[in-house]
Amino acid sequence: MSSRHLSRSIALQTLYEWDFYNSLDAKNYPASVNTKSESFFKKILEDNIKELADGLDDTNFIKMLSEGVKEHKKDIDKIIAAAATNWPLKQITLVDRNVLRLGVYELDYGDKKEVPPKVAINEAIELAKTFGGESSGKFVNGVLGTIYRTLLEKGKKGNNRIILEYK
């Protein structure tokens, strides 16, 4: 497994865990636990790096992906909702939702020279096949394909950001 693929897997697991805790009823937590806090997210990220990134020399890509998705989650979710009109975001499985978030982040915010869009899409599909259900790969492919076509259209108009399309 390449270090980039492993990094994406760890970022996905971090985002999944964070999303899972935030989807639960807050009444189940002690008052001292704030699942939406930056420190809670950082703890999940650091714990996952310690546990899962053994032998990985550089963990900056994991942090960049995880923190980038978290920072832009609201806009990323708007893009996903607009591209997957038949699937309200809350009805998309936790795994698929976070794979899509990673894919959209790399498509819209990532360095296209470092990670070309088709590589970002392919990586997301592979993550969906590995961690998701039977049809996750096809679902992620369809949604990210729609988003990528929007990106291409925006590029033809001289605008390289798809986020503007959905605001």
C-alpha atoms as a PDB file:
ATOM      1  CA  MET A   1       0.000   0.000   0.000  1.00  0.00           C
ATOM      2  CA  SER A   2       1.419   3.385  -0.961  1.00  0.00           C
ATOM      3  CA  SER A   3       1.996   5.958   1.756  1.00  0.00           C
ATOM      4  CA  ARG A   4      -0.552   8.310   0.150  1.00  0.00           C
ATOM      5  CA  HIS A   5      -3.205   5.596   0.107  1.00  0.00           C
ATOM      6  CA  LEU A   6      -2.447   4.714   3.738  1.00  0.00           C
ATOM      7  CA  SER A   7      -2.638   8.411   4.618  1.00  0.00           C
ATOM      8  CA  ARG A   8      -6.045   8.690   2.968  1.00  0.00           C
ATOM      9  CA  SER A   9      -7.224   5.586   4.834  1.00  0.00           C
ATOM     10  CA  ILE A  10      -6.168   7.087   8.165  1.00  0.00           C
ATOM     11  CA  ALA A  11      -7.758  10.438   7.289  1.00  0.00           C
ATOM     12  CA  LEU A  12     -10.975   8.613   6.380  1.00  0.00           C
ATOM     13  CA  GLN A  13     -10.984   6.709   9.664  1.00  0.00           C
ATOM     14  CA  THR A  14     -10.392   9.949  11.560  1.00  0.00           C
ATOM     15  CA  LEU A  15     -13.241  11.730   9.774  1.00  0.00           C
ATOM     16  CA  TYR A  16     -15.519   8.723  10.216  1.00  0.00           C
ATOM     17  CA  GLU A  17     -14.873   8.613  13.963  1.00  0.00           C
ATOM     18  CA  TRP A  18     -15.361  12.362  14.349  1.00  0.00           C
ATOM     19  CA  ASP A  19     -18.579  12.268  12.294  1.00  0.00           C
ATOM     20  CA  PHE A  20     -19.826   9.253  14.271  1.00  0.00           C
ATOM     21  CA  TYR A  21     -19.352  10.953  17.637  1.00  0.00           C
ATOM     22  CA  ASN A  22     -20.995  14.128  16.372  1.00  0.00           C
ATOM     23  CA  SER A  23     -24.017  12.227  15.060  1.00  0.00           C
ATOM     24  CA  LEU A  24     -24.761  10.731  18.484  1.00  0.00           C
ATOM     25  CA  ASP A  25     -26.962  12.381  21.048  1.00  0.00           C
ATOM     26  CA  ALA A  26     -24.805  14.720  23.164  1.00  0.00           C
ATOM     27  CA  LYS A  27     -26.770  13.674  26.286  1.00  0.00           C
ATOM     28  CA  ASN A  28     -24.770  10.428  26.254  1.00  0.00           C
ATOM     29  CA  TYR A  29     -21.517  12.248  27.018  1.00  0.00           C
ATOM     30  CA  PRO A  30     -20.196  13.699  30.244  1.00  0.00           C
ATOM     31  CA  ALA A  31     -20.463  17.497  30.361  1.00  0.00           C
ATOM     32  CA  SER A  32     -16.674  17.722  29.985  1.00  0.00           C
ATOM     33  CA  VAL A  33     -16.729  16.133  26.492  1.00  0.00           C
ATOM     34  CA  ASN A  34     -17.340  18.508  23.606  1.00  0.00           C
ATOM     35  CA  THR A  35     -17.311  16.415  20.419  1.00  0.00           C
ATOM     36  CA  LYS A  36     -17.354  19.527  18.262  1.00  0.00           C
ATOM     37  CA  SER A  37     -14.239  21.009  19.858  1.00  0.00           C
ATOM     38  CA  GLU A  38     -10.918  21.308  18.093  1.00  0.00           C
ATOM     39  CA  SER A  39      -9.167  19.403  20.891  1.00  0.00           C
ATOM     40  CA  PHE A  40     -11.557  16.440  20.522  1.00  0.00           C
ATOM     41  CA  PHE A  41     -10.847  16.276  16.777  1.00  0.00           C
ATOM     42  CA  LYS A  42      -7.076  16.617  17.331  1.00  0.00           C
ATOM     43  CA  LYS A  43      -7.141  13.777  19.859  1.00  0.00           C
ATOM     44  CA  ILE A  44      -8.901  11.459  17.391  1.00  0.00           C
ATOM     45  CA  LEU A  45      -6.404  12.434  14.688  1.00  0.00           C
ATOM     46  CA  GLU A  46      -3.344  11.943  16.878  1.00  0.00           C
ATOM     47  CA  ASP A  47      -4.630   8.641  18.286  1.00  0.00           C
ATOM     48  CA  ASN A  48      -5.252   7.319  14.769  1.00  0.00           C
ATOM     49  CA  ILE A  49      -1.811   8.415  13.583  1.00  0.00           C
ATOM     50  CA  LYS A  50      -0.190   6.664  16.550  1.00  0.00           C
ATOM     51  CA  GLU A  51      -2.216   3.498  16.066  1.00  0.00           C
ATOM     52  CA  LEU A  52      -2.401   3.229  12.278  1.00  0.00           C
ATOM     53  CA  ALA A  53       0.556   5.105  10.767  1.00  0.00           C
ATOM     54  CA  ASP A  54       3.308   2.854  12.088  1.00  0.00           C
ATOM     55  CA  GLY A  55       6.220   3.053   9.674  1.00  0.00           C
ATOM     56  CA  LEU A  56       4.887   6.133   7.882  1.00  0.00           C
ATOM     57  CA  ASP A  57       7.644   8.756   7.908  1.00  0.00           C
ATOM     58  CA  ASP A  58       5.538  11.784   7.052  1.00  0.00           C
ATOM     59  CA  THR A  59       2.074  12.269   8.533  1.00  0.00           C
ATOM     60  CA  ASN A  60       1.530  15.766   7.124  1.00  0.00           C
ATOM     61  CA  PHE A  61      -0.694  14.488   4.292  1.00  0.00           C
ATOM     62  CA  ILE A  62      -2.998  12.788   6.837  1.00  0.00           C
ATOM     63  CA  LYS A  63      -3.258  16.006   8.841  1.00  0.00           C
ATOM     64  CA  MET A  64      -3.757  18.174   5.757  1.00  0.00           C
ATOM     65  CA  LEU A  65      -6.615  15.986   4.482  1.00  0.00           C
ATOM     66  CA  SER A  66      -8.322  15.516   7.855  1.00  0.00           C
ATOM     67  CA  GLU A  67      -8.061  19.130   8.954  1.00  0.00           C
ATOM     68  CA  GLY A  68      -8.905  20.429   5.476  1.00  0.00           C
ATOM     69  CA  VAL A  69     -12.129  18.424   5.299  1.00  0.00           C
ATOM     70  CA  LYS A  70     -13.053  19.505   8.822  1.00  0.00           C
ATOM     71  CA  GLU A  71     -12.349  23.167   8.042  1.00  0.00           C
ATOM     72  CA  HIS A  72     -14.359  23.175   4.798  1.00  0.00           C
ATOM     73  CA  LYS A  73     -17.008  20.623   5.788  1.00  0.00           C
ATOM     74  CA  LYS A  74     -19.943  22.992   5.423  1.00  0.00           C
ATOM     75  CA  ASP A  75     -19.048  23.944   1.834  1.00  0.00           C
ATOM     76  CA  ILE A  76     -18.059  20.381   0.931  1.00  0.00           C
ATOM     77  CA  ASP A  77     -21.404  19.104   2.205  1.00  0.00           C
ATOM     78  CA  LYS A  78     -23.224  21.652   0.021  1.00  0.00           C
ATOM     79  CA  ILE A  79     -21.373  20.327  -3.012  1.00  0.00           C
ATOM     80  CA  ILE A  80     -22.218  16.718  -2.153  1.00  0.00           C
ATOM     81  CA  ALA A  81     -25.871  17.588  -1.506  1.00  0.00           C
ATOM     82  CA  ALA A  82     -26.119  19.369  -4.860  1.00  0.00           C
ATOM     83  CA  ALA A  83     -24.510  16.466  -6.743  1.00  0.00           C
ATOM     84  CA  ALA A  84     -26.409  13.672  -4.946  1.00  0.00           C
ATOM     85  CA  THR A  85     -29.867  15.210  -5.116  1.00  0.00           C
ATOM     86  CA  ASN A  86     -31.678  11.914  -4.469  1.00  0.00           C
ATOM     87  CA  TRP A  87     -29.649  11.261  -1.305  1.00  0.00           C
ATOM     88  CA  PRO A  88     -29.991  13.674   1.606  1.00  0.00           C
ATOM     89  CA  LEU A  89     -26.610  13.924   3.333  1.00  0.00           C
ATOM     90  CA  LYS A  90     -27.924  12.385   6.554  1.00  0.00           C
ATOM     91  CA  GLN A  91     -29.083   9.310   4.594  1.00  0.00           C
ATOM     92  CA  ILE A  92     -25.681   8.667   3.053  1.00  0.00           C
ATOM     93  CA  THR A  93     -23.796   6.117   5.148  1.00  0.00           C
ATOM     94  CA  LEU A  94     -21.079   7.478   7.424  1.00  0.00           C
ATOM     95  CA  VAL A  95     -18.366   5.773   5.379  1.00  0.00           C
ATOM     96  CA  ASP A  96     -19.647   6.953   1.995  1.00  0.00           C
ATOM     97  CA  ARG A  97     -20.272  10.472   3.288  1.00  0.00           C
ATOM     98  CA  ASN A  98     -16.710  10.797   4.562  1.00  0.00           C
ATOM     99  CA  VAL A  99     -15.177   9.196   1.463  1.00  0.00           C
ATOM    100  CA  LEU A 100     -17.088  11.770  -0.581  1.00  0.00           C
ATOM    101  CA  ARG A 101     -15.864  14.566   1.688  1.00  0.00           C
ATOM    102  CA  LEU A 102     -12.270  13.461   1.167  1.00  0.00           C
ATOM    103  CA  GLY A 103     -12.784  13.187  -2.586  1.00  0.00           C
ATOM    104  CA  VAL A 104     -14.430  16.595  -2.864  1.00  0.00           C
ATOM    105  CA  TYR A 105     -11.725  18.148  -0.721  1.00  0.00           C
ATOM    106  CA  GLU A 106      -9.012  16.797  -3.014  1.00  0.00           C
ATOM    107  CA  LEU A 107     -10.947  17.791  -6.145  1.00  0.00           C
ATOM    108  CA  ASP A 108     -11.773  21.304  -5.014  1.00  0.00           C
ATOM    109  CA  TYR A 109      -9.071  22.332  -2.567  1.00  0.00           C
ATOM    110  CA  GLY A 110      -6.194  20.017  -3.420  1.00  0.00           C
ATOM    111  CA  ASP A 111      -3.144  20.711  -5.532  1.00  0.00           C
ATOM    112  CA  LYS A 112      -4.149  19.412  -8.990  1.00  0.00           C
ATOM    113  CA  LYS A 113      -0.494  19.009 -10.013  1.00  0.00           C
ATOM    114  CA  GLU A 114       0.274  16.904  -6.954  1.00  0.00           C
ATOM    115  CA  VAL A 115      -2.949  14.850  -7.090  1.00  0.00           C
ATOM    116  CA  PRO A 116      -4.721  14.994 -10.470  1.00  0.00           C
ATOM    117  CA  PRO A 117      -8.528  14.875 -10.234  1.00  0.00           C
ATOM    118  CA  LYS A 118      -8.784  11.395 -11.741  1.00  0.00           C
ATOM    119  CA  VAL A 119      -6.344  10.075  -9.132  1.00  0.00           C
ATOM    120  CA  ALA A 120      -8.379  11.700  -6.343  1.00  0.00           C
ATOM    121  CA  ILE A 121     -11.557  10.090  -7.699  1.00  0.00           C
ATOM    122  CA  ASN A 122      -9.916   6.688  -8.119  1.00  0.00           C
ATOM    123  CA  GLU A 123      -8.513   6.820  -4.574  1.00  0.00           C
ATOM    124  CA  ALA A 124     -11.948   7.699  -3.194  1.00  0.00           C
ATOM    125  CA  ILE A 125     -13.521   4.792  -5.096  1.00  0.00           C
ATOM    126  CA  GLU A 126     -10.900   2.400  -3.697  1.00  0.00           C
ATOM    127  CA  LEU A 127     -11.538   3.668  -0.159  1.00  0.00           C
ATOM    128  CA  ALA A 128     -15.278   3.195  -0.669  1.00  0.00           C
ATOM    129  CA  LYS A 129     -14.757  -0.366  -1.909  1.00  0.00           C
ATOM    130  CA  THR A 130     -12.479  -1.167   1.034  1.00  0.00           C
ATOM    131  CA  PHE A 131     -14.442   0.439   3.867  1.00  0.00           C
ATOM    132  CA  GLY A 132     -17.974   0.778   2.491  1.00  0.00           C
ATOM    133  CA  GLY A 133     -20.777  -1.489   1.407  1.00  0.00           C
ATOM    134  CA  GLU A 134     -21.333  -3.485  -1.739  1.00  0.00           C
ATOM    135  CA  SER A 135     -22.458  -0.523  -3.850  1.00  0.00           C
ATOM    136  CA  SER A 136     -20.277   2.158  -2.212  1.00  0.00           C
ATOM    137  CA  GLY A 137     -17.712   2.236  -5.019  1.00  0.00           C
ATOM    138  CA  LYS A 138     -20.367   2.829  -7.676  1.00  0.00           C
ATOM    139  CA  PHE A 139     -22.141   5.443  -5.562  1.00  0.00           C
ATOM    140  CA  VAL A 140     -18.938   7.385  -4.858  1.00  0.00           C
ATOM    141  CA  ASN A 141     -17.917   7.112  -8.514  1.00  0.00           C
ATOM    142  CA  GLY A 142     -21.273   8.537  -9.641  1.00  0.00           C
ATOM    143  CA  VAL A 143     -21.301  11.452  -7.213  1.00  0.00           C
ATOM    144  CA  LEU A 144     -17.642  12.407  -7.712  1.00  0.00           C
ATOM    145  CA  GLY A 145     -18.057  12.005 -11.478  1.00  0.00           C
ATOM    146  CA  THR A 146     -20.890  14.535 -11.407  1.00  0.00           C
ATOM    147  CA  ILE A 147     -18.803  16.902  -9.307  1.00  0.00           C
ATOM    148  CA  TYR A 148     -15.779  16.465 -11.594  1.00  0.00           C
ATOM    149  CA  ARG A 149     -17.865  17.305 -14.678  1.00  0.00           C
ATOM    150  CA  THR A 150     -18.996  20.486 -12.886  1.00  0.00           C
ATOM    151  CA  LEU A 151     -15.340  21.254 -12.143  1.00  0.00           C
ATOM    152  CA  LEU A 152     -14.475  20.820 -15.830  1.00  0.00           C
ATOM    153  CA  GLU A 153     -17.286  23.150 -16.866  1.00  0.00           C
ATOM    154  CA  LYS A 154     -16.154  25.778 -14.372  1.00  0.00           C
ATOM    155  CA  GLY A 155     -12.592  25.367 -15.664  1.00  0.00           C
ATOM    156  CA  LYS A 156     -13.762  26.055 -19.206  1.00  0.00           C
ATOM    157  CA  LYS A 157     -15.270  29.295 -17.931  1.00  0.00           C
ATOM    158  CA  GLY A 158     -11.927  30.275 -16.381  1.00  0.00           C
ATOM    159  CA  ASN A 159     -12.841  29.375 -12.810  1.00  0.00           C
ATOM    160  CA  ASN A 160     -11.072  26.419 -11.247  1.00  0.00           C
ATOM    161  CA  ARG A 161     -13.176  26.162  -8.075  1.00  0.00           C
ATOM    162  CA  ILE A 162     -16.416  24.182  -7.972  1.00  0.00           C
ATOM    163  CA  ILE A 163     -17.353  25.559  -4.581  1.00  0.00           C
ATOM    164  CA  LEU A 164     -18.615  28.730  -6.274  1.00  0.00           C
ATOM    165  CA  GLU A 165     -21.131  26.693  -8.254  1.00  0.00           C
ATOM    166  CA  TYR A 166     -22.972  25.567  -5.142  1.00  0.00           C
ATOM    167  CA  LYS A 167     -22.876  28.607  -2.843  1.00  0.00           C
END
